Amino acid sequence: MSKFPNCILTAALLLGSVVAGHSDELPASKQTRLGLYVTATQAGDMVADPDVLFVDIRSRAEVAFLGIPKDVDVHIPYMVMPMMASFNEDKGTYSLELNPDFPTDFQRYAEKNGITEDTQIILMCRSGSRSARAADLLADMGYTKVYSLVDGYEGDKATEGPGKGQRVVNGWRNAGLAWSYKETLDQVYPTDLN
């Protein structure tokens, strides 16, 4: 018997075919208009190039409690938890809302750091859905090479086996890529330093 549950092997095969260009096999919530996707392991290879921008778009709480990839260039949350967040009973968690400052904060960072419309940009959220929406927003702003990290930082939930319901299938942390609980000053959300 394989040490990997069938759900993990199925997800790995699915992601391999998605990145190879079969985005129709990717859940609609993870698809982008640009159609540019990478897995965590592919992103890990891409960020070795200093000309690739790697942006963590998770909320501050996610970064604070779950850690951040060591290779992330900057943290700019796409969604935030409001002070008086409401509990979403269907999801069993508190609701997030769009960060209204995301476009301007990203644009300011881009201008300050020489990021152009043709720079390769990788966006990472928890599991690939928010990064897809943020990729569409950056595409609307004129950026042409925005990749969504389809398995995100924590990965997808297992659908069966001992880890059923847990994010153990794929993702940055599950791939064994470097991460830390400490953000560097370069990574900190730029408005937190003002």
N, C-alpha and C. Protein backbone atom coordinates (compact mmCIF):
# COMPACT_ATOMS: atom_id res chain seq x y z
N MET A 1 0.85 -1.19 0.00
CA MET A 1 0.00 0.00 0.00
C MET A 1 0.89 1.24 0.00
N SER A 2 0.54 2.21 -0.81
CA SER A 2 1.30 3.46 -0.91
C SER A 2 1.19 4.25 0.39
N LYS A 3 2.25 4.97 0.73
CA LYS A 3 2.18 5.82 1.93
C LYS A 3 1.38 7.08 1.67
N PHE A 4 1.03 7.35 0.41
CA PHE A 4 0.22 8.51 0.05
C PHE A 4 -1.19 8.07 -0.25
N PRO A 5 -2.18 8.66 0.43
CA PRO A 5 -3.57 8.33 0.13
C PRO A 5 -3.88 8.67 -1.33
N ASN A 6 -4.84 7.95 -1.90
CA ASN A 6 -5.23 8.18 -3.29
C ASN A 6 -5.61 9.62 -3.57
N CYS A 7 -6.21 10.31 -2.58
CA CYS A 7 -6.62 11.70 -2.79
C CYS A 7 -5.41 12.59 -3.03
N ILE A 8 -4.29 12.27 -2.39
CA ILE A 8 -3.08 13.08 -2.58
C ILE A 8 -2.51 12.84 -3.97
N LEU A 9 -2.47 11.58 -4.40
CA LEU A 9 -1.96 11.28 -5.73
C LEU A 9 -2.85 11.88 -6.81
N THR A 10 -4.16 11.81 -6.61
CA THR A 10 -5.09 12.40 -7.56
C THR A 10 -4.89 13.91 -7.66
N ALA A 11 -4.74 14.58 -6.52
CA ALA A 11 -4.52 16.03 -6.53
C ALA A 11 -3.22 16.38 -7.23
N ALA A 12 -2.17 15.60 -6.99
CA ALA A 12 -0.88 15.87 -7.64
C ALA A 12 -0.99 15.72 -9.14
N LEU A 13 -1.69 14.68 -9.60
CA LEU A 13 -1.87 14.49 -11.04
C LEU A 13 -2.71 15.62 -11.63
N LEU A 14 -3.75 16.02 -10.92
CA LEU A 14 -4.61 17.11 -11.39
C LEU A 14 -3.81 18.39 -11.52
N LEU A 15 -3.02 18.74 -10.51
CA LEU A 15 -2.24 19.97 -10.57
C LEU A 15 -1.21 19.91 -11.68
N GLY A 16 -0.61 18.75 -11.89
CA GLY A 16 0.36 18.62 -12.98
C GLY A 16 -0.27 18.90 -14.32
N SER A 17 -1.49 18.38 -14.55
CA SER A 17 -2.14 18.62 -15.83
C SER A 17 -2.64 20.05 -15.94
N VAL A 18 -3.03 20.66 -14.82
CA VAL A 18 -3.49 22.05 -14.85
C VAL A 18 -2.35 22.96 -15.28
N VAL A 19 -1.21 22.78 -14.65
CA VAL A 19 -0.09 23.65 -14.95
C VAL A 19 0.40 23.42 -16.38
N ALA A 20 0.19 22.21 -16.89
CA ALA A 20 0.59 21.91 -18.25
C ALA A 20 -0.36 22.55 -19.27
N GLY A 21 -1.40 23.22 -18.80
CA GLY A 21 -2.25 23.95 -19.72
C GLY A 21 -3.69 23.49 -19.77
N HIS A 22 -4.08 22.59 -18.92
CA HIS A 22 -5.45 22.10 -18.93
C HIS A 22 -6.24 22.74 -17.81
N SER A 23 -6.41 24.06 -17.89
CA SER A 23 -7.07 24.78 -16.81
C SER A 23 -8.53 24.39 -16.65
N ASP A 24 -9.10 23.71 -17.66
CA ASP A 24 -10.49 23.28 -17.52
C ASP A 24 -10.65 22.24 -16.42
N GLU A 25 -9.55 21.61 -15.98
CA GLU A 25 -9.59 20.64 -14.89
C GLU A 25 -9.41 21.31 -13.53
N LEU A 26 -9.09 22.59 -13.52
CA LEU A 26 -8.92 23.35 -12.29
C LEU A 26 -10.28 23.87 -11.85
N PRO A 27 -10.60 23.79 -10.55
CA PRO A 27 -11.90 24.34 -10.09
C PRO A 27 -12.07 25.79 -10.57
N ALA A 28 -13.27 26.16 -10.90
CA ALA A 28 -13.55 27.51 -11.41
C ALA A 28 -13.03 28.58 -10.46
N SER A 29 -13.09 28.32 -9.15
CA SER A 29 -12.65 29.32 -8.17
C SER A 29 -11.15 29.58 -8.24
N LYS A 30 -10.40 28.70 -8.88
CA LYS A 30 -8.95 28.85 -8.97
C LYS A 30 -8.49 29.29 -10.37
N GLN A 31 -9.41 29.47 -11.30
CA GLN A 31 -9.04 29.87 -12.65
C GLN A 31 -8.91 31.38 -12.77
N THR A 32 -7.97 31.81 -13.62
CA THR A 32 -7.75 33.23 -13.87
C THR A 32 -7.94 33.54 -15.34
N ARG A 33 -8.14 34.80 -15.65
CA ARG A 33 -8.29 35.20 -17.05
C ARG A 33 -6.98 35.04 -17.82
N LEU A 34 -5.84 35.26 -17.15
CA LEU A 34 -4.56 35.11 -17.83
C LEU A 34 -4.19 33.64 -18.04
N GLY A 35 -4.73 32.76 -17.21
CA GLY A 35 -4.46 31.33 -17.35
C GLY A 35 -3.04 30.94 -17.00
N LEU A 36 -2.40 31.67 -16.08
CA LEU A 36 -1.03 31.37 -15.67
C LEU A 36 -1.05 30.78 -14.26
N TYR A 37 -0.56 29.53 -14.14
CA TYR A 37 -0.63 28.81 -12.88
C TYR A 37 0.71 28.15 -12.56
N VAL A 38 1.02 28.06 -11.28
CA VAL A 38 2.17 27.29 -10.82
C VAL A 38 1.78 26.55 -9.54
N THR A 39 2.45 25.43 -9.31
CA THR A 39 2.30 24.73 -8.04
C THR A 39 3.33 25.31 -7.08
N ALA A 40 3.25 24.94 -5.83
CA ALA A 40 4.21 25.42 -4.84
C ALA A 40 5.63 25.03 -5.23
N THR A 41 5.83 23.79 -5.65
CA THR A 41 7.19 23.36 -6.00
C THR A 41 7.70 24.10 -7.22
N GLN A 42 6.85 24.37 -8.19
CA GLN A 42 7.27 25.15 -9.36
C GLN A 42 7.59 26.59 -8.95
N ALA A 43 6.79 27.16 -8.07
CA ALA A 43 7.05 28.52 -7.58
C ALA A 43 8.39 28.55 -6.85
N GLY A 44 8.66 27.51 -6.05
CA GLY A 44 9.93 27.43 -5.33
C GLY A 44 11.11 27.50 -6.27
N ASP A 45 10.97 26.88 -7.45
CA ASP A 45 12.04 26.96 -8.46
C ASP A 45 12.08 28.34 -9.12
N MET A 46 10.92 28.90 -9.43
CA MET A 46 10.86 30.19 -10.12
C MET A 46 11.45 31.32 -9.31
N VAL A 47 11.23 31.31 -7.99
CA VAL A 47 11.67 32.44 -7.17
C VAL A 47 13.17 32.49 -6.97
N ALA A 48 13.88 31.48 -7.48
CA ALA A 48 15.35 31.55 -7.48
C ALA A 48 15.82 32.67 -8.41
N ASP A 49 14.96 33.06 -9.35
CA ASP A 49 15.25 34.16 -10.27
C ASP A 49 14.92 35.47 -9.55
N PRO A 50 15.90 36.34 -9.34
CA PRO A 50 15.62 37.59 -8.60
C PRO A 50 14.67 38.54 -9.33
N ASP A 51 14.39 38.29 -10.60
CA ASP A 51 13.47 39.14 -11.35
C ASP A 51 12.01 38.73 -11.19
N VAL A 52 11.76 37.62 -10.50
CA VAL A 52 10.39 37.16 -10.24
C VAL A 52 9.95 37.74 -8.91
N LEU A 53 8.77 38.35 -8.88
CA LEU A 53 8.20 38.90 -7.65
C LEU A 53 7.26 37.88 -7.03
N PHE A 54 7.47 37.56 -5.76
CA PHE A 54 6.66 36.59 -5.02
C PHE A 54 5.92 37.34 -3.92
N VAL A 55 4.58 37.39 -4.03
CA VAL A 55 3.74 38.16 -3.11
C VAL A 55 2.81 37.24 -2.33
N ASP A 56 2.87 37.32 -1.02
CA ASP A 56 1.95 36.61 -0.14
C ASP A 56 0.75 37.52 0.07
N ILE A 57 -0.43 37.07 -0.35
CA ILE A 57 -1.62 37.93 -0.27
C ILE A 57 -2.58 37.50 0.84
N ARG A 58 -2.13 36.60 1.72
CA ARG A 58 -2.98 36.16 2.82
C ARG A 58 -3.18 37.29 3.83
N SER A 59 -4.12 37.09 4.73
CA SER A 59 -4.38 38.09 5.76
C SER A 59 -3.22 38.15 6.75
N ARG A 60 -3.18 39.23 7.51
CA ARG A 60 -2.13 39.37 8.54
C ARG A 60 -2.19 38.21 9.54
N ALA A 61 -3.38 37.81 9.94
CA ALA A 61 -3.53 36.73 10.91
C ALA A 61 -2.96 35.42 10.37
N GLU A 62 -3.21 35.13 9.10
CA GLU A 62 -2.67 33.90 8.51
C GLU A 62 -1.15 33.90 8.56
N VAL A 63 -0.56 35.02 8.20
CA VAL A 63 0.90 35.12 8.22
C VAL A 63 1.42 35.04 9.66
N ALA A 64 0.77 35.74 10.56
CA ALA A 64 1.23 35.77 11.95
C ALA A 64 1.17 34.40 12.62
N PHE A 65 0.14 33.63 12.35
CA PHE A 65 -0.04 32.36 13.06
C PHE A 65 0.44 31.13 12.30
N LEU A 66 0.55 31.24 10.96
CA LEU A 66 0.94 30.06 10.17
C LEU A 66 2.32 30.18 9.54
N GLY A 67 2.90 31.37 9.56
CA GLY A 67 4.22 31.55 8.98
C GLY A 67 4.17 32.08 7.56
N ILE A 68 5.36 32.29 6.99
CA ILE A 68 5.49 32.88 5.66
C ILE A 68 6.68 32.23 4.95
N PRO A 69 6.55 31.98 3.63
CA PRO A 69 7.70 31.43 2.92
C PRO A 69 8.91 32.38 3.02
N LYS A 70 10.06 31.81 3.21
CA LYS A 70 11.27 32.63 3.32
C LYS A 70 11.56 33.37 2.03
N ASP A 71 11.08 32.85 0.90
CA ASP A 71 11.34 33.46 -0.40
C ASP A 71 10.36 34.56 -0.79
N VAL A 72 9.34 34.81 0.01
CA VAL A 72 8.36 35.85 -0.31
C VAL A 72 9.06 37.21 -0.30
N ASP A 73 8.77 38.01 -1.33
CA ASP A 73 9.34 39.36 -1.39
C ASP A 73 8.58 40.33 -0.51
N VAL A 74 7.24 40.22 -0.52
CA VAL A 74 6.43 41.17 0.25
C VAL A 74 5.07 40.54 0.57
N HIS A 75 4.50 40.99 1.68
CA HIS A 75 3.16 40.57 2.10
C HIS A 75 2.21 41.75 1.89
N ILE A 76 1.24 41.58 0.99
CA ILE A 76 0.21 42.61 0.76
C ILE A 76 -1.13 41.88 0.78
N PRO A 77 -1.88 41.97 1.88
CA PRO A 77 -3.14 41.22 1.98
C PRO A 77 -4.17 41.64 0.94
N TYR A 78 -4.74 40.64 0.27
CA TYR A 78 -5.83 40.88 -0.67
C TYR A 78 -7.16 41.00 0.08
N MET A 79 -7.27 40.28 1.18
CA MET A 79 -8.47 40.35 2.01
C MET A 79 -8.03 40.60 3.46
N VAL A 80 -8.91 41.22 4.21
CA VAL A 80 -8.62 41.54 5.61
C VAL A 80 -9.81 41.14 6.47
N MET A 81 -9.53 40.95 7.75
CA MET A 81 -10.61 40.67 8.70
C MET A 81 -10.99 41.99 9.37
N PRO A 82 -12.23 42.42 9.19
CA PRO A 82 -12.65 43.69 9.82
C PRO A 82 -12.66 43.55 11.34
N MET A 83 -12.56 44.68 12.02
CA MET A 83 -12.56 44.68 13.49
C MET A 83 -13.75 43.93 14.06
N MET A 84 -14.90 44.11 13.48
CA MET A 84 -16.11 43.46 13.97
C MET A 84 -16.54 42.39 12.96
N ALA A 85 -15.63 41.45 12.67
CA ALA A 85 -15.92 40.39 11.71
C ALA A 85 -17.10 39.56 12.15
N SER A 86 -17.93 39.20 11.19
CA SER A 86 -19.08 38.36 11.50
C SER A 86 -18.70 36.89 11.30
N PHE A 87 -19.35 36.04 12.07
CA PHE A 87 -19.09 34.61 11.97
C PHE A 87 -19.91 34.04 10.82
N ASN A 88 -19.23 33.31 9.91
CA ASN A 88 -19.89 32.67 8.78
C ASN A 88 -20.19 31.23 9.19
N GLU A 89 -21.43 30.96 9.51
CA GLU A 89 -21.81 29.64 10.02
C GLU A 89 -21.57 28.54 8.99
N ASP A 90 -21.82 28.82 7.70
CA ASP A 90 -21.62 27.80 6.67
C ASP A 90 -20.15 27.38 6.58
N LYS A 91 -19.24 28.34 6.68
CA LYS A 91 -17.82 28.03 6.58
C LYS A 91 -17.19 27.71 7.93
N GLY A 92 -17.88 28.03 9.00
CA GLY A 92 -17.37 27.75 10.33
C GLY A 92 -16.19 28.62 10.72
N THR A 93 -16.17 29.85 10.21
CA THR A 93 -15.07 30.76 10.50
C THR A 93 -15.56 32.21 10.37
N TYR A 94 -14.69 33.13 10.71
CA TYR A 94 -15.03 34.55 10.58
C TYR A 94 -14.82 35.02 9.14
N SER A 95 -15.63 35.95 8.71
CA SER A 95 -15.60 36.44 7.34
C SER A 95 -14.45 37.41 7.11
N LEU A 96 -13.91 37.34 5.91
CA LEU A 96 -12.92 38.31 5.45
C LEU A 96 -13.60 39.23 4.43
N GLU A 97 -13.03 40.40 4.24
CA GLU A 97 -13.55 41.30 3.21
C GLU A 97 -12.37 41.79 2.37
N LEU A 98 -12.68 42.24 1.18
CA LEU A 98 -11.62 42.73 0.29
C LEU A 98 -10.87 43.88 0.94
N ASN A 99 -9.57 43.89 0.78
CA ASN A 99 -8.73 44.99 1.25
C ASN A 99 -8.85 46.11 0.21
N PRO A 100 -9.54 47.20 0.51
CA PRO A 100 -9.73 48.26 -0.49
C PRO A 100 -8.42 48.91 -0.91
N ASP A 101 -7.36 48.74 -0.10
CA ASP A 101 -6.08 49.35 -0.41
C ASP A 101 -5.16 48.45 -1.23
N PHE A 102 -5.58 47.21 -1.49
CA PHE A 102 -4.71 46.27 -2.20
C PHE A 102 -4.18 46.85 -3.53
N PRO A 103 -5.04 47.36 -4.43
CA PRO A 103 -4.52 47.85 -5.71
C PRO A 103 -3.51 49.00 -5.54
N THR A 104 -3.82 49.96 -4.69
CA THR A 104 -2.90 51.10 -4.55
C THR A 104 -1.63 50.70 -3.79
N ASP A 105 -1.75 49.83 -2.80
CA ASP A 105 -0.56 49.37 -2.08
C ASP A 105 0.35 48.56 -3.00
N PHE A 106 -0.25 47.72 -3.84
CA PHE A 106 0.56 46.94 -4.78
C PHE A 106 1.24 47.88 -5.77
N GLN A 107 0.49 48.84 -6.30
CA GLN A 107 1.04 49.76 -7.30
C GLN A 107 2.19 50.58 -6.70
N ARG A 108 2.02 51.06 -5.48
CA ARG A 108 3.10 51.80 -4.81
C ARG A 108 4.35 50.94 -4.65
N TYR A 109 4.14 49.70 -4.21
CA TYR A 109 5.28 48.78 -4.05
C TYR A 109 5.95 48.53 -5.40
N ALA A 110 5.14 48.32 -6.43
CA ALA A 110 5.68 48.05 -7.76
C ALA A 110 6.53 49.22 -8.26
N GLU A 111 6.00 50.43 -8.12
CA GLU A 111 6.74 51.62 -8.58
C GLU A 111 8.04 51.80 -7.80
N LYS A 112 7.99 51.58 -6.50
CA LYS A 112 9.18 51.75 -5.66
C LYS A 112 10.25 50.70 -5.96
N ASN A 113 9.83 49.52 -6.42
CA ASN A 113 10.76 48.40 -6.59
C ASN A 113 11.01 48.01 -8.04
N GLY A 114 10.61 48.85 -8.97
CA GLY A 114 10.90 48.60 -10.38
C GLY A 114 10.13 47.45 -11.00
N ILE A 115 8.95 47.17 -10.46
CA ILE A 115 8.11 46.10 -11.01
C ILE A 115 7.36 46.68 -12.20
N THR A 116 7.48 46.03 -13.35
CA THR A 116 6.82 46.52 -14.57
C THR A 116 5.64 45.62 -14.92
N GLU A 117 4.90 46.03 -15.94
CA GLU A 117 3.75 45.25 -16.38
C GLU A 117 4.16 43.88 -16.92
N ASP A 118 5.43 43.72 -17.30
CA ASP A 118 5.91 42.44 -17.84
C ASP A 118 6.68 41.60 -16.82
N THR A 119 6.80 42.08 -15.59
CA THR A 119 7.48 41.30 -14.55
C THR A 119 6.67 40.05 -14.24
N GLN A 120 7.35 38.92 -14.06
CA GLN A 120 6.66 37.71 -13.62
C GLN A 120 6.33 37.87 -12.14
N ILE A 121 5.04 37.71 -11.82
CA ILE A 121 4.54 37.90 -10.47
C ILE A 121 3.83 36.62 -10.04
N ILE A 122 4.21 36.10 -8.88
CA ILE A 122 3.52 34.93 -8.32
C ILE A 122 2.75 35.40 -7.10
N LEU A 123 1.44 35.10 -7.08
CA LEU A 123 0.59 35.44 -5.94
C LEU A 123 0.23 34.17 -5.19
N MET A 124 0.33 34.22 -3.86
CA MET A 124 0.05 33.06 -3.03
C MET A 124 -0.94 33.42 -1.92
N CYS A 125 -1.99 32.62 -1.81
CA CYS A 125 -2.93 32.72 -0.70
C CYS A 125 -2.89 31.40 0.07
N ARG A 126 -3.93 31.05 0.76
CA ARG A 126 -3.95 29.80 1.53
C ARG A 126 -4.02 28.58 0.62
N SER A 127 -4.95 28.61 -0.38
CA SER A 127 -5.16 27.41 -1.18
C SER A 127 -5.39 27.65 -2.67
N GLY A 128 -5.28 28.88 -3.14
CA GLY A 128 -5.34 29.15 -4.57
C GLY A 128 -6.55 29.89 -5.10
N SER A 129 -7.57 30.13 -4.30
CA SER A 129 -8.75 30.84 -4.80
C SER A 129 -8.60 32.35 -4.73
N ARG A 130 -8.15 32.88 -3.59
CA ARG A 130 -7.94 34.32 -3.48
C ARG A 130 -6.85 34.79 -4.43
N SER A 131 -5.81 33.97 -4.60
CA SER A 131 -4.73 34.38 -5.50
C SER A 131 -5.24 34.48 -6.94
N ALA A 132 -6.21 33.66 -7.30
CA ALA A 132 -6.80 33.75 -8.63
C ALA A 132 -7.54 35.07 -8.80
N ARG A 133 -8.33 35.47 -7.79
CA ARG A 133 -9.06 36.74 -7.87
C ARG A 133 -8.09 37.93 -7.90
N ALA A 134 -7.04 37.86 -7.08
CA ALA A 134 -6.04 38.93 -7.06
C ALA A 134 -5.29 38.99 -8.39
N ALA A 135 -5.04 37.83 -9.00
CA ALA A 135 -4.37 37.80 -10.31
C ALA A 135 -5.24 38.50 -11.36
N ASP A 136 -6.55 38.27 -11.30
CA ASP A 136 -7.46 38.96 -12.22
C ASP A 136 -7.41 40.47 -12.01
N LEU A 137 -7.36 40.90 -10.76
CA LEU A 137 -7.29 42.33 -10.46
C LEU A 137 -6.00 42.94 -11.02
N LEU A 138 -4.87 42.27 -10.80
CA LEU A 138 -3.60 42.79 -11.33
C LEU A 138 -3.60 42.78 -12.86
N ALA A 139 -4.25 41.79 -13.46
CA ALA A 139 -4.38 41.77 -14.93
C ALA A 139 -5.18 42.98 -15.39
N ASP A 140 -6.25 43.32 -14.67
CA ASP A 140 -7.04 44.51 -14.99
C ASP A 140 -6.20 45.78 -14.87
N MET A 141 -5.20 45.75 -14.00
CA MET A 141 -4.32 46.91 -13.81
C MET A 141 -3.21 46.96 -14.86
N GLY A 142 -3.15 45.96 -15.75
CA GLY A 142 -2.19 45.97 -16.84
C GLY A 142 -1.02 45.01 -16.71
N TYR A 143 -0.95 44.27 -15.61
CA TYR A 143 0.15 43.30 -15.43
C TYR A 143 -0.16 42.06 -16.26
N THR A 144 0.81 41.60 -17.04
CA THR A 144 0.56 40.56 -18.04
C THR A 144 1.09 39.18 -17.67
N LYS A 145 1.90 39.07 -16.64
CA LYS A 145 2.50 37.78 -16.29
C LYS A 145 2.28 37.47 -14.81
N VAL A 146 1.00 37.39 -14.44
CA VAL A 146 0.63 37.15 -13.05
C VAL A 146 0.22 35.68 -12.90
N TYR A 147 0.98 34.95 -12.10
CA TYR A 147 0.74 33.53 -11.85
C TYR A 147 0.02 33.35 -10.53
N SER A 148 -0.96 32.47 -10.54
CA SER A 148 -1.64 32.09 -9.30
C SER A 148 -1.01 30.78 -8.83
N LEU A 149 -0.57 30.77 -7.57
CA LEU A 149 -0.02 29.56 -6.97
C LEU A 149 -1.22 28.70 -6.58
N VAL A 150 -1.54 27.69 -7.40
CA VAL A 150 -2.82 26.99 -7.31
C VAL A 150 -3.02 26.16 -6.05
N ASP A 151 -1.94 25.77 -5.39
CA ASP A 151 -2.13 24.99 -4.16
C ASP A 151 -1.82 25.80 -2.91
N GLY A 152 -1.45 27.07 -3.08
CA GLY A 152 -1.29 28.00 -1.98
C GLY A 152 -0.27 27.59 -0.92
N TYR A 153 -0.38 28.25 0.22
CA TYR A 153 0.55 28.02 1.32
C TYR A 153 0.22 26.74 2.08
N GLU A 154 -1.07 26.53 2.36
CA GLU A 154 -1.47 25.36 3.15
C GLU A 154 -1.94 24.20 2.30
N GLY A 155 -2.33 24.44 1.07
CA GLY A 155 -2.78 23.36 0.20
C GLY A 155 -4.27 23.11 0.26
N ASP A 156 -4.67 22.07 -0.45
CA ASP A 156 -6.07 21.68 -0.52
C ASP A 156 -6.41 20.71 0.60
N LYS A 157 -7.70 20.58 0.88
CA LYS A 157 -8.17 19.65 1.90
C LYS A 157 -8.22 18.22 1.34
N ALA A 158 -7.80 17.27 2.15
CA ALA A 158 -7.93 15.87 1.79
C ALA A 158 -9.41 15.51 1.81
N THR A 159 -9.84 14.71 0.85
CA THR A 159 -11.25 14.32 0.76
C THR A 159 -11.51 12.96 1.39
N GLU A 160 -10.43 12.25 1.76
CA GLU A 160 -10.58 10.94 2.39
C GLU A 160 -9.33 10.63 3.20
N GLY A 161 -9.37 9.53 3.89
CA GLY A 161 -8.21 9.10 4.66
C GLY A 161 -8.12 9.77 6.02
N PRO A 162 -7.02 9.49 6.76
CA PRO A 162 -6.89 10.01 8.12
C PRO A 162 -6.83 11.54 8.21
N GLY A 163 -6.43 12.20 7.14
CA GLY A 163 -6.36 13.66 7.14
C GLY A 163 -7.57 14.31 6.50
N LYS A 164 -8.66 13.57 6.34
CA LYS A 164 -9.85 14.10 5.68
C LYS A 164 -10.25 15.44 6.31
N GLY A 165 -10.45 16.45 5.46
CA GLY A 165 -10.86 17.77 5.92
C GLY A 165 -9.71 18.67 6.31
N GLN A 166 -8.50 18.12 6.36
CA GLN A 166 -7.32 18.92 6.72
C GLN A 166 -6.54 19.29 5.45
N ARG A 167 -5.83 20.40 5.52
CA ARG A 167 -5.04 20.86 4.37
C ARG A 167 -3.68 20.16 4.37
N VAL A 168 -3.69 18.92 3.90
CA VAL A 168 -2.49 18.09 3.91
C VAL A 168 -2.12 17.57 2.52
N VAL A 169 -2.84 18.02 1.49
CA VAL A 169 -2.68 17.45 0.16
C VAL A 169 -1.46 18.02 -0.57
N ASN A 170 -1.27 19.30 -0.56
CA ASN A 170 -0.22 19.94 -1.34
C ASN A 170 0.07 21.30 -0.69
N GLY A 171 0.60 22.25 -1.42
CA GLY A 171 0.86 23.57 -0.87
C GLY A 171 2.31 23.75 -0.44
N TRP A 172 2.67 25.00 -0.16
CA TRP A 172 4.05 25.38 0.17
C TRP A 172 4.59 24.59 1.36
N ARG A 173 3.87 24.64 2.47
CA ARG A 173 4.37 23.97 3.69
C ARG A 173 4.41 22.46 3.53
N ASN A 174 3.39 21.87 2.91
CA ASN A 174 3.35 20.42 2.72
C ASN A 174 4.41 19.93 1.73
N ALA A 175 4.90 20.82 0.87
CA ALA A 175 5.95 20.46 -0.09
C ALA A 175 7.34 20.50 0.55
N GLY A 176 7.39 20.93 1.82
CA GLY A 176 8.68 20.98 2.51
C GLY A 176 9.54 22.16 2.09
N LEU A 177 8.93 23.19 1.54
CA LEU A 177 9.68 24.38 1.13
C LEU A 177 9.94 25.28 2.34
N ALA A 178 10.98 26.09 2.25
CA ALA A 178 11.43 26.91 3.39
C ALA A 178 10.39 27.96 3.79
N TRP A 179 10.13 28.03 5.11
CA TRP A 179 9.21 29.02 5.66
C TRP A 179 9.65 29.34 7.08
N SER A 180 9.07 30.42 7.61
CA SER A 180 9.42 30.85 8.96
C SER A 180 8.21 31.50 9.61
N TYR A 181 8.18 31.51 10.94
CA TYR A 181 7.15 32.27 11.65
C TYR A 181 7.48 33.75 11.70
N LYS A 182 8.72 34.10 11.37
CA LYS A 182 9.14 35.51 11.44
C LYS A 182 9.20 36.13 10.05
N GLU A 183 8.55 37.28 9.93
CA GLU A 183 8.66 38.06 8.70
C GLU A 183 9.91 38.93 8.78
N THR A 184 10.54 39.16 7.64
CA THR A 184 11.64 40.11 7.60
C THR A 184 11.05 41.50 7.35
N LEU A 185 11.82 42.54 7.61
CA LEU A 185 11.32 43.90 7.35
C LEU A 185 10.96 44.11 5.89
N ASP A 186 11.67 43.45 4.98
CA ASP A 186 11.35 43.57 3.56
C ASP A 186 9.99 42.94 3.23
N GLN A 187 9.61 41.91 3.96
CA GLN A 187 8.36 41.21 3.69
C GLN A 187 7.14 41.89 4.29
N VAL A 188 7.31 42.63 5.34
CA VAL A 188 6.19 43.22 6.08
C VAL A 188 5.32 44.09 5.17
N TYR A 189 4.00 43.94 5.35
CA TYR A 189 3.04 44.75 4.60
C TYR A 189 3.49 46.22 4.68
N PRO A 190 3.77 46.85 3.53
CA PRO A 190 4.36 48.20 3.53
C PRO A 190 3.63 49.22 4.40
N THR A 191 2.31 49.14 4.52
CA THR A 191 1.62 50.14 5.34
C THR A 191 1.87 49.93 6.83
N ASP A 192 2.33 48.74 7.21
CA ASP A 192 2.64 48.48 8.62
C ASP A 192 3.91 49.20 9.07
N LEU A 193 4.70 49.67 8.13
CA LEU A 193 5.97 50.34 8.44
C LEU A 193 5.85 51.85 8.45
N ASN A 194 4.68 52.36 8.08
CA ASN A 194 4.50 53.82 8.03
C ASN A 194 4.11 54.37 9.39
